[in-house]
Amino acid sequence: MDVPIAKSEIIFRSNDGEELTTVVQVGQLRQQDEQRWACDVEIPGVERKRTIHGDDSLHALILAMGFLADRLEYLVAAGASVLSPDTREPAPISKIVPRL
């Protein structure tokens, strides 16, 4: 992702114990056409860049945030951990990517 508009640093611990310091990031919103907007999301080293579409910029942003929360919750349910880089304690997903 070239220039994220928002990001949050995390330590991702996979279910096999491997740790990676990375960022949960949201890219700049862009208008695709008169009826669609797009927003890229990525967690480098964990989740590849995905483009999330919405009916307008706010819709695309909210869907992008929801997608990130869903993916992190899925990974944690599968045995991974998301840790705070400051404390190395488990970080609630809602503190990283709040649901609206």
PDB file of N, CA and C in Angstrom:
ATOM      1  N   MET A   1       0.859  -1.172   0.000  1.00  0.00           N
ATOM      2  CA  MET A   1       0.000   0.000   0.000  1.00  0.00           C
ATOM      3  C   MET A   1       0.901   1.229   0.000  1.00  0.00           C
ATOM      4  N   ASP A   2       0.611   2.157  -0.892  1.00  0.00           N
ATOM      5  CA  ASP A   2       1.475   3.322  -1.036  1.00  0.00           C
ATOM      6  C   ASP A   2       1.439   4.231   0.193  1.00  0.00           C
ATOM      7  N   VAL A   3       0.297   4.845   0.447  1.00  0.00           N
ATOM      8  CA  VAL A   3       0.183   5.779   1.566  1.00  0.00           C
ATOM      9  C   VAL A   3      -1.102   5.481   2.331  1.00  0.00           C
ATOM     10  N   PRO A   4      -1.003   4.786   3.458  1.00  0.00           N
ATOM     11  CA  PRO A   4      -2.215   4.523   4.237  1.00  0.00           C
ATOM     12  C   PRO A   4      -2.748   5.809   4.868  1.00  0.00           C
ATOM     13  N   ILE A   5      -4.068   5.886   5.005  1.00  0.00           N
ATOM     14  CA  ILE A   5      -4.664   7.037   5.689  1.00  0.00           C
ATOM     15  C   ILE A   5      -4.798   6.766   7.180  1.00  0.00           C
ATOM     16  N   ALA A   6      -4.738   5.493   7.554  1.00  0.00           N
ATOM     17  CA  ALA A   6      -4.826   5.115   8.965  1.00  0.00           C
ATOM     18  C   ALA A   6      -4.133   3.777   9.151  1.00  0.00           C
ATOM     19  N   LYS A   7      -3.470   3.635  10.300  1.00  0.00           N
ATOM     20  CA  LYS A   7      -2.800   2.365  10.578  1.00  0.00           C
ATOM     21  C   LYS A   7      -2.659   2.169  12.075  1.00  0.00           C
ATOM     22  N   SER A   8      -2.512   0.911  12.457  1.00  0.00           N
ATOM     23  CA  SER A   8      -2.329   0.551  13.857  1.00  0.00           C
ATOM     24  C   SER A   8      -1.308  -0.580  13.921  1.00  0.00           C
ATOM     25  N   GLU A   9      -0.248  -0.377  14.688  1.00  0.00           N
ATOM     26  CA  GLU A   9       0.798  -1.397  14.797  1.00  0.00           C
ATOM     27  C   GLU A   9       0.349  -2.514  15.732  1.00  0.00           C
ATOM     28  N   ILE A  10       0.655  -3.739  15.338  1.00  0.00           N
ATOM     29  CA  ILE A  10       0.342  -4.914  16.157  1.00  0.00           C
ATOM     30  C   ILE A  10       1.508  -5.896  16.092  1.00  0.00           C
ATOM     31  N   ILE A  11       1.508  -6.838  17.017  1.00  0.00           N
ATOM     32  CA  ILE A  11       2.353  -8.027  16.904  1.00  0.00           C
ATOM     33  C   ILE A  11       1.394  -9.167  16.616  1.00  0.00           C
ATOM     34  N   PHE A  12       1.609  -9.828  15.493  1.00  0.00           N
ATOM     35  CA  PHE A  12       0.765 -10.960  15.112  1.00  0.00           C
ATOM     36  C   PHE A  12       1.520 -12.232  15.441  1.00  0.00           C
ATOM     37  N   ARG A  13       0.909 -13.089  16.255  1.00  0.00           N
ATOM     38  CA  ARG A  13       1.499 -14.386  16.588  1.00  0.00           C
ATOM     39  C   ARG A  13       0.639 -15.463  15.932  1.00  0.00           C
ATOM     40  N   SER A  14       1.226 -16.170  14.970  1.00  0.00           N
ATOM     41  CA  SER A  14       0.481 -17.214  14.259  1.00  0.00           C
ATOM     42  C   SER A  14       0.214 -18.384  15.199  1.00  0.00           C
ATOM     43  N   ASN A  15      -0.652 -19.293  14.763  1.00  0.00           N
ATOM     44  CA  ASN A  15      -0.987 -20.429  15.624  1.00  0.00           C
ATOM     45  C   ASN A  15       0.178 -21.391  15.812  1.00  0.00           C
ATOM     46  N   ASP A  16       1.270 -21.233  15.043  1.00  0.00           N
ATOM     47  CA  ASP A  16       2.471 -22.049  15.286  1.00  0.00           C
ATOM     48  C   ASP A  16       3.508 -21.308  16.133  1.00  0.00           C
ATOM     49  N   GLY A  17       3.137 -20.108  16.645  1.00  0.00           N
ATOM     50  CA  GLY A  17       3.995 -19.368  17.559  1.00  0.00           C
ATOM     51  C   GLY A  17       4.915 -18.349  16.917  1.00  0.00           C
ATOM     52  N   GLU A  18       4.957 -18.280  15.596  1.00  0.00           N
ATOM     53  CA  GLU A  18       5.819 -17.306  14.916  1.00  0.00           C
ATOM     54  C   GLU A  18       5.242 -15.901  15.097  1.00  0.00           C
ATOM     55  N   GLU A  19       6.110 -14.936  15.421  1.00  0.00           N
ATOM     56  CA  GLU A  19       5.659 -13.563  15.656  1.00  0.00           C
ATOM     57  C   GLU A  19       6.143 -12.631  14.559  1.00  0.00           C
ATOM     58  N   LEU A  20       5.300 -11.645  14.243  1.00  0.00           N
ATOM     59  CA  LEU A  20       5.597 -10.652  13.226  1.00  0.00           C
ATOM     60  C   LEU A  20       5.047  -9.316  13.691  1.00  0.00           C
ATOM     61  N   THR A  21       5.902  -8.291  13.725  1.00  0.00           N
ATOM     62  CA  THR A  21       5.421  -6.940  13.978  1.00  0.00           C
ATOM     63  C   THR A  21       4.969  -6.371  12.644  1.00  0.00           C
ATOM     64  N   THR A  22       3.729  -5.916  12.593  1.00  0.00           N
ATOM     65  CA  THR A  22       3.153  -5.432  11.341  1.00  0.00           C
ATOM     66  C   THR A  22       2.149  -4.326  11.647  1.00  0.00           C
ATOM     67  N   VAL A  23       1.436  -3.882  10.637  1.00  0.00           N
ATOM     68  CA  VAL A  23       0.421  -2.846  10.821  1.00  0.00           C
ATOM     69  C   VAL A  23      -0.876  -3.269  10.148  1.00  0.00           C
ATOM     70  N   VAL A  24      -1.966  -2.928  10.791  1.00  0.00           N
ATOM     71  CA  VAL A  24      -3.284  -3.025  10.179  1.00  0.00           C
ATOM     72  C   VAL A  24      -3.472  -1.673   9.508  1.00  0.00           C
ATOM     73  N   GLN A  25      -3.683  -1.663   8.185  1.00  0.00           N
ATOM     74  CA  GLN A  25      -3.725  -0.372   7.507  1.00  0.00           C
ATOM     75  C   GLN A  25      -4.875  -0.252   6.520  1.00  0.00           C
ATOM     76  N   VAL A  26      -5.326   0.998   6.397  1.00  0.00           N
ATOM     77  CA  VAL A  26      -6.420   1.364   5.506  1.00  0.00           C
ATOM     78  C   VAL A  26      -5.876   2.375   4.513  1.00  0.00           C
ATOM     79  N   GLY A  27      -6.132   2.130   3.234  1.00  0.00           N
ATOM     80  CA  GLY A  27      -5.640   3.019   2.188  1.00  0.00           C
ATOM     81  C   GLY A  27      -6.588   4.166   1.895  1.00  0.00           C
ATOM     82  N   GLN A  28      -6.114   5.049   1.047  1.00  0.00           N
ATOM     83  CA  GLN A  28      -6.892   6.218   0.656  1.00  0.00           C
ATOM     84  C   GLN A  28      -8.125   5.799  -0.144  1.00  0.00           C
ATOM     85  N   LEU A  29      -9.241   6.413   0.171  1.00  0.00           N
ATOM     86  CA  LEU A  29     -10.477   6.156  -0.567  1.00  0.00           C
ATOM     87  C   LEU A  29     -10.368   6.766  -1.956  1.00  0.00           C
ATOM     88  N   ARG A  30     -10.953   6.081  -2.932  1.00  0.00           N
ATOM     89  CA  ARG A  30     -10.931   6.611  -4.296  1.00  0.00           C
ATOM     90  C   ARG A  30     -12.243   6.270  -4.994  1.00  0.00           C
ATOM     91  N   GLN A  31     -12.673   7.197  -5.817  1.00  0.00           N
ATOM     92  CA  GLN A  31     -13.913   6.999  -6.554  1.00  0.00           C
ATOM     93  C   GLN A  31     -13.623   6.175  -7.798  1.00  0.00           C
ATOM     94  N   GLN A  32     -14.354   5.074  -7.959  1.00  0.00           N
ATOM     95  CA  GLN A  32     -14.181   4.194  -9.112  1.00  0.00           C
ATOM     96  C   GLN A  32     -14.989   4.691 -10.306  1.00  0.00           C
ATOM     97  N   ASP A  33     -16.202   5.088 -10.050  1.00  0.00           N
ATOM     98  CA  ASP A  33     -17.085   5.662 -11.062  1.00  0.00           C
ATOM     99  C   ASP A  33     -18.157   6.442 -10.303  1.00  0.00           C
ATOM    100  N   GLU A  34     -19.208   6.840 -10.965  1.00  0.00           N
ATOM    101  CA  GLU A  34     -20.220   7.671 -10.299  1.00  0.00           C
ATOM    102  C   GLU A  34     -20.950   6.951  -9.171  1.00  0.00           C
ATOM    103  N   GLN A  35     -20.919   5.623  -9.176  1.00  0.00           N
ATOM    104  CA  GLN A  35     -21.694   4.884  -8.182  1.00  0.00           C
ATOM    105  C   GLN A  35     -20.865   3.971  -7.287  1.00  0.00           C
ATOM    106  N   ARG A  36     -19.536   3.985  -7.406  1.00  0.00           N
ATOM    107  CA  ARG A  36     -18.719   3.070  -6.588  1.00  0.00           C
ATOM    108  C   ARG A  36     -17.461   3.767  -6.092  1.00  0.00           C
ATOM    109  N   TRP A  37     -17.156   3.482  -4.827  1.00  0.00           N
ATOM    110  CA  TRP A  37     -15.913   3.932  -4.219  1.00  0.00           C
ATOM    111  C   TRP A  37     -15.138   2.699  -3.777  1.00  0.00           C
ATOM    112  N   ALA A  38     -13.827   2.867  -3.627  1.00  0.00           N
ATOM    113  CA  ALA A  38     -12.974   1.746  -3.227  1.00  0.00           C
ATOM    114  C   ALA A  38     -12.039   2.175  -2.105  1.00  0.00           C
ATOM    115  N   CYS A  39     -11.671   1.190  -1.285  1.00  0.00           N
ATOM    116  CA  CYS A  39     -10.754   1.414  -0.171  1.00  0.00           C
ATOM    117  C   CYS A  39      -9.916   0.149  -0.006  1.00  0.00           C
ATOM    118  N   ASP A  40      -8.591   0.301  -0.049  1.00  0.00           N
ATOM    119  CA  ASP A  40      -7.703  -0.844   0.138  1.00  0.00           C
ATOM    120  C   ASP A  40      -7.433  -1.060   1.621  1.00  0.00           C
ATOM    121  N   VAL A  41      -7.304  -2.321   2.007  1.00  0.00           N
ATOM    122  CA  VAL A  41      -6.925  -2.697   3.370  1.00  0.00           C
ATOM    123  C   VAL A  41      -5.841  -3.760   3.276  1.00  0.00           C
ATOM    124  N   GLU A  42      -4.986  -3.817   4.292  1.00  0.00           N
ATOM    125  CA  GLU A  42      -3.894  -4.787   4.263  1.00  0.00           C
ATOM    126  C   GLU A  42      -3.313  -4.953   5.659  1.00  0.00           C
ATOM    127  N   ILE A  43      -2.810  -6.158   5.918  1.00  0.00           N
ATOM    128  CA  ILE A  43      -1.997  -6.437   7.103  1.00  0.00           C
ATOM    129  C   ILE A  43      -0.756  -7.129   6.550  1.00  0.00           C
ATOM    130  N   PRO A  44       0.295  -6.356   6.211  1.00  0.00           N
ATOM    131  CA  PRO A  44       1.468  -6.939   5.541  1.00  0.00           C
ATOM    132  C   PRO A  44       2.044  -8.130   6.303  1.00  0.00           C
ATOM    133  N   GLY A  45       2.293  -9.207   5.558  1.00  0.00           N
ATOM    134  CA  GLY A  45       2.823 -10.427   6.140  1.00  0.00           C
ATOM    135  C   GLY A  45       1.766 -11.346   6.716  1.00  0.00           C
ATOM    136  N   VAL A  46       0.533 -10.840   6.810  1.00  0.00           N
ATOM    137  CA  VAL A  46      -0.564 -11.621   7.388  1.00  0.00           C
ATOM    138  C   VAL A  46      -1.713 -11.754   6.382  1.00  0.00           C
ATOM    139  N   GLU A  47      -2.181 -10.652   5.886  1.00  0.00           N
ATOM    140  CA  GLU A  47      -3.289 -10.609   4.922  1.00  0.00           C
ATOM    141  C   GLU A  47      -2.876  -9.739   3.750  1.00  0.00           C
ATOM    142  N   ARG A  48      -3.054 -10.263   2.543  1.00  0.00           N
ATOM    143  CA  ARG A  48      -2.697  -9.500   1.347  1.00  0.00           C
ATOM    144  C   ARG A  48      -3.626  -8.300   1.187  1.00  0.00           C
ATOM    145  N   LYS A  49      -3.210  -7.367   0.350  1.00  0.00           N
ATOM    146  CA  LYS A  49      -4.026  -6.185   0.100  1.00  0.00           C
ATOM    147  C   LYS A  49      -5.331  -6.596  -0.578  1.00  0.00           C
ATOM    148  N   ARG A  50      -6.422  -6.065  -0.066  1.00  0.00           N
ATOM    149  CA  ARG A  50      -7.751  -6.301  -0.644  1.00  0.00           C
ATOM    150  C   ARG A  50      -8.389  -4.951  -0.931  1.00  0.00           C
ATOM    151  N   THR A  51      -9.187  -4.888  -1.960  1.00  0.00           N
ATOM    152  CA  THR A  51      -9.934  -3.681  -2.283  1.00  0.00           C
ATOM    153  C   THR A  51     -11.397  -3.918  -1.928  1.00  0.00           C
ATOM    154  N   ILE A  52     -11.914  -3.047  -1.072  1.00  0.00           N
ATOM    155  CA  ILE A  52     -13.294  -3.136  -0.613  1.00  0.00           C
ATOM    156  C   ILE A  52     -14.082  -2.017  -1.293  1.00  0.00           C
ATOM    157  N   HIS A  53     -15.259  -2.348  -1.817  1.00  0.00           N
ATOM    158  CA  HIS A  53     -16.069  -1.381  -2.555  1.00  0.00           C
ATOM    159  C   HIS A  53     -17.327  -1.013  -1.782  1.00  0.00           C
ATOM    160  N   GLY A  54     -17.764   0.229  -1.989  1.00  0.00           N
ATOM    161  CA  GLY A  54     -18.997   0.697  -1.384  1.00  0.00           C
ATOM    162  C   GLY A  54     -19.721   1.656  -2.308  1.00  0.00           C
ATOM    163  N   ASP A  55     -20.947   2.007  -1.924  1.00  0.00           N
ATOM    164  CA  ASP A  55     -21.770   2.904  -2.739  1.00  0.00           C
ATOM    165  C   ASP A  55     -21.279   4.348  -2.703  1.00  0.00           C
ATOM    166  N   ASP A  56     -20.631   4.740  -1.614  1.00  0.00           N
ATOM    167  CA  ASP A  56     -20.016   6.061  -1.504  1.00  0.00           C
ATOM    168  C   ASP A  56     -18.789   5.914  -0.610  1.00  0.00           C
ATOM    169  N   SER A  57     -18.090   7.005  -0.356  1.00  0.00           N
ATOM    170  CA  SER A  57     -16.822   6.906   0.379  1.00  0.00           C
ATOM    171  C   SER A  57     -17.020   6.408   1.808  1.00  0.00           C
ATOM    172  N   LEU A  58     -18.056   6.868   2.482  1.00  0.00           N
ATOM    173  CA  LEU A  58     -18.300   6.425   3.855  1.00  0.00           C
ATOM    174  C   LEU A  58     -18.658   4.939   3.887  1.00  0.00           C
ATOM    175  N   HIS A  59     -19.480   4.514   2.965  1.00  0.00           N
ATOM    176  CA  HIS A  59     -19.868   3.104   2.886  1.00  0.00           C
ATOM    177  C   HIS A  59     -18.639   2.226   2.658  1.00  0.00           C
ATOM    178  N   ALA A  60     -17.772   2.624   1.727  1.00  0.00           N
ATOM    179  CA  ALA A  60     -16.554   1.849   1.453  1.00  0.00           C
ATOM    180  C   ALA A  60     -15.657   1.794   2.687  1.00  0.00           C
ATOM    181  N   LEU A  61     -15.520   2.907   3.397  1.00  0.00           N
ATOM    182  CA  LEU A  61     -14.673   2.946   4.590  1.00  0.00           C
ATOM    183  C   LEU A  61     -15.227   2.044   5.692  1.00  0.00           C
ATOM    184  N   ILE A  62     -16.528   2.107   5.930  1.00  0.00           N
ATOM    185  CA  ILE A  62     -17.132   1.277   6.974  1.00  0.00           C
ATOM    186  C   ILE A  62     -17.014  -0.204   6.625  1.00  0.00           C
ATOM    187  N   LEU A  63     -17.247  -0.549   5.360  1.00  0.00           N
ATOM    188  CA  LEU A  63     -17.088  -1.946   4.944  1.00  0.00           C
ATOM    189  C   LEU A  63     -15.638  -2.405   5.087  1.00  0.00           C
ATOM    190  N   ALA A  64     -14.693  -1.530   4.770  1.00  0.00           N
ATOM    191  CA  ALA A  64     -13.271  -1.876   4.894  1.00  0.00           C
ATOM    192  C   ALA A  64     -12.903  -2.144   6.350  1.00  0.00           C
ATOM    193  N   MET A  65     -13.366  -1.303   7.257  1.00  0.00           N
ATOM    194  CA  MET A  65     -13.090  -1.499   8.680  1.00  0.00           C
ATOM    195  C   MET A  65     -13.727  -2.801   9.171  1.00  0.00           C
ATOM    196  N   GLY A  66     -14.943  -3.074   8.734  1.00  0.00           N
ATOM    197  CA  GLY A  66     -15.604  -4.322   9.109  1.00  0.00           C
ATOM    198  C   GLY A  66     -14.862  -5.539   8.589  1.00  0.00           C
ATOM    199  N   PHE A  67     -14.344  -5.443   7.365  1.00  0.00           N
ATOM    200  CA  PHE A  67     -13.582  -6.553   6.796  1.00  0.00           C
ATOM    201  C   PHE A  67     -12.339  -6.833   7.637  1.00  0.00           C
ATOM    202  N   LEU A  68     -11.609  -5.783   8.014  1.00  0.00           N
ATOM    203  CA  LEU A  68     -10.408  -5.974   8.839  1.00  0.00           C
ATOM    204  C   LEU A  68     -10.757  -6.619  10.178  1.00  0.00           C
ATOM    205  N   ALA A  69     -11.813  -6.141  10.820  1.00  0.00           N
ATOM    206  CA  ALA A  69     -12.230  -6.725  12.103  1.00  0.00           C
ATOM    207  C   ALA A  69     -12.606  -8.195  11.923  1.00  0.00           C
ATOM    208  N   ASP A  70     -13.365  -8.497  10.867  1.00  0.00           N
ATOM    209  CA  ASP A  70     -13.757  -9.890  10.602  1.00  0.00           C
ATOM    210  C   ASP A  70     -12.536 -10.783  10.402  1.00  0.00           C
ATOM    211  N   ARG A  71     -11.561 -10.330   9.618  1.00  0.00           N
ATOM    212  CA  ARG A  71     -10.373 -11.139   9.339  1.00  0.00           C
ATOM    213  C   ARG A  71      -9.566 -11.381  10.607  1.00  0.00           C
ATOM    214  N   LEU A  72      -9.369 -10.346  11.419  1.00  0.00           N
ATOM    215  CA  LEU A  72      -8.617 -10.527  12.661  1.00  0.00           C
ATOM    216  C   LEU A  72      -9.353 -11.478  13.602  1.00  0.00           C
ATOM    217  N   GLU A  73     -10.669 -11.330  13.711  1.00  0.00           N
ATOM    218  CA  GLU A  73     -11.446 -12.235  14.567  1.00  0.00           C
ATOM    219  C   GLU A  73     -11.352 -13.672  14.068  1.00  0.00           C
ATOM    220  N   TYR A  74     -11.392 -13.860  12.760  1.00  0.00           N
ATOM    221  CA  TYR A  74     -11.262 -15.202  12.178  1.00  0.00           C
ATOM    222  C   TYR A  74      -9.898 -15.801  12.513  1.00  0.00           C
ATOM    223  N   LEU A  75      -8.839 -15.023  12.337  1.00  0.00           N
ATOM    224  CA  LEU A  75      -7.487 -15.525  12.600  1.00  0.00           C
ATOM    225  C   LEU A  75      -7.301 -15.880  14.073  1.00  0.00           C
ATOM    226  N   VAL A  76      -7.843 -15.063  14.962  1.00  0.00           N
ATOM    227  CA  VAL A  76      -7.757 -15.350  16.398  1.00  0.00           C
ATOM    228  C   VAL A  76      -8.558 -16.614  16.725  1.00  0.00           C
ATOM    229  N   ALA A  77      -9.731 -16.762  16.138  1.00  0.00           N
ATOM    230  CA  ALA A  77     -10.533 -17.971  16.370  1.00  0.00           C
ATOM    231  C   ALA A  77      -9.818 -19.224  15.863  1.00  0.00           C
ATOM    232  N   ALA A  78      -8.948 -19.053  14.859  1.00  0.00           N
ATOM    233  CA  ALA A  78      -8.193 -20.184  14.300  1.00  0.00           C
ATOM    234  C   ALA A  78      -6.910 -20.467  15.084  1.00  0.00           C
ATOM    235  N   GLY A  79      -6.668 -19.705  16.168  1.00  0.00           N
ATOM    236  CA  GLY A  79      -5.522 -19.993  17.027  1.00  0.00           C
ATOM    237  C   GLY A  79      -4.425 -18.959  17.046  1.00  0.00           C
ATOM    238  N   ALA A  80      -4.537 -17.909  16.238  1.00  0.00           N
ATOM    239  CA  ALA A  80      -3.527 -16.846  16.244  1.00  0.00           C
ATOM    240  C   ALA A  80      -3.787 -15.900  17.417  1.00  0.00           C
ATOM    241  N   SER A  81      -2.828 -15.004  17.657  1.00  0.00           N
ATOM    242  CA  SER A  81      -2.979 -13.979  18.689  1.00  0.00           C
ATOM    243  C   SER A  81      -2.589 -12.632  18.105  1.00  0.00           C
ATOM    244  N   VAL A  82      -3.247 -11.601  18.593  1.00  0.00           N
ATOM    245  CA  VAL A  82      -2.891 -10.232  18.249  1.00  0.00           C
ATOM    246  C   VAL A  82      -2.455  -9.572  19.547  1.00  0.00           C
ATOM    247  N   LEU A  83      -1.204  -9.099  19.573  1.00  0.00           N
ATOM    248  CA  LEU A  83      -0.631  -8.530  20.790  1.00  0.00           C
ATOM    249  C   LEU A  83      -0.383  -7.040  20.630  1.00  0.00           C
ATOM    250  N   SER A  84      -0.484  -6.325  21.738  1.00  0.00           N
ATOM    251  CA  SER A  84      -0.129  -4.912  21.759  1.00  0.00           C
ATOM    252  C   SER A  84       1.387  -4.789  21.687  1.00  0.00           C
ATOM    253  N   PRO A  85       1.923  -3.933  20.815  1.00  0.00           N
ATOM    254  CA  PRO A  85       3.375  -3.792  20.742  1.00  0.00           C
ATOM    255  C   PRO A  85       3.973  -3.157  22.003  1.00  0.00           C
ATOM    256  N   ASP A  86       3.168  -2.416  22.761  1.00  0.00           N
ATOM    257  CA  ASP A  86       3.660  -1.761  23.974  1.00  0.00           C
ATOM    258  C   ASP A  86       3.772  -2.718  25.152  1.00  0.00           C
ATOM    259  N   THR A  87       2.774  -3.588  25.301  1.00  0.00           N
ATOM    260  CA  THR A  87       2.721  -4.450  26.482  1.00  0.00           C
ATOM    261  C   THR A  87       2.966  -5.926  26.179  1.00  0.00           C
ATOM    262  N   ARG A  88       2.875  -6.285  24.908  1.00  0.00           N
ATOM    263  CA  ARG A  88       2.957  -7.681  24.460  1.00  0.00           C
ATOM    264  C   ARG A  88       1.837  -8.533  25.063  1.00  0.00           C
ATOM    265  N   GLU A  89       0.787  -7.887  25.524  1.00  0.00           N
ATOM    266  CA  GLU A  89      -0.409  -8.564  26.027  1.00  0.00           C
ATOM    267  C   GLU A  89      -1.408  -8.697  24.883  1.00  0.00           C
ATOM    268  N   PRO A  90      -2.314  -9.679  24.960  1.00  0.00           N
ATOM    269  CA  PRO A  90      -3.345  -9.786  23.928  1.00  0.00           C
ATOM    270  C   PRO A  90      -4.131  -8.479  23.802  1.00  0.00           C
ATOM    271  N   ALA A  91      -4.324  -8.047  22.573  1.00  0.00           N
ATOM    272  CA  ALA A  91      -5.048  -6.805  22.299  1.00  0.00           C
ATOM    273  C   ALA A  91      -6.444  -7.151  21.794  1.00  0.00           C
ATOM    274  N   PRO A  92      -7.482  -6.589  22.410  1.00  0.00           N
ATOM    275  CA  PRO A  92      -8.833  -6.831  21.899  1.00  0.00           C
ATOM    276  C   PRO A  92      -8.956  -6.276  20.474  1.00  0.00           C
ATOM    277  N   ILE A  93      -9.577  -7.037  19.601  1.00  0.00           N
ATOM    278  CA  ILE A  93      -9.758  -6.596  18.220  1.00  0.00           C
ATOM    279  C   ILE A  93     -10.498  -5.261  18.194  1.00  0.00           C
ATOM    280  N   SER A  94     -11.447  -5.072  19.101  1.00  0.00           N
ATOM    281  CA  SER A  94     -12.231  -3.832  19.130  1.00  0.00           C
ATOM    282  C   SER A  94     -11.379  -2.602  19.433  1.00  0.00           C
ATOM    283  N   LYS A  95     -10.203  -2.790  20.029  1.00  0.00           N
ATOM    284  CA  LYS A  95      -9.293  -1.663  20.283  1.00  0.00           C
ATOM    285  C   LYS A  95      -8.457  -1.345  19.047  1.00  0.00           C
ATOM    286  N   ILE A  96      -8.295  -2.313  18.165  1.00  0.00           N
ATOM    287  CA  ILE A  96      -7.497  -2.129  16.949  1.00  0.00           C
ATOM    288  C   ILE A  96      -8.375  -1.630  15.811  1.00  0.00           C
ATOM    289  N   VAL A  97      -9.491  -2.313  15.597  1.00  0.00           N
ATOM    290  CA  VAL A  97     -10.427  -1.967  14.525  1.00  0.00           C
ATOM    291  C   VAL A  97     -11.831  -1.965  15.129  1.00  0.00           C
ATOM    292  N   PRO A  98     -12.277  -0.811  15.646  1.00  0.00           N
ATOM    293  CA  PRO A  98     -13.599  -0.779  16.268  1.00  0.00           C
ATOM    294  C   PRO A  98     -14.714  -0.972  15.245  1.00  0.00           C
ATOM    295  N   ARG A  99     -15.747  -1.632  15.683  1.00  0.00           N
ATOM    296  CA  ARG A  99     -16.940  -1.783  14.829  1.00  0.00           C
ATOM    297  C   ARG A  99     -17.830  -0.566  15.042  1.00  0.00           C
ATOM    298  N   LEU A 100     -18.427  -0.123  13.962  1.00  0.00           N
ATOM    299  CA  LEU A 100     -19.288   1.064  14.045  1.00  0.00           C
ATOM    300  C   LEU A 100     -20.732   0.682  14.247  1.00  0.00           C
TER     301      LEU A 100
END
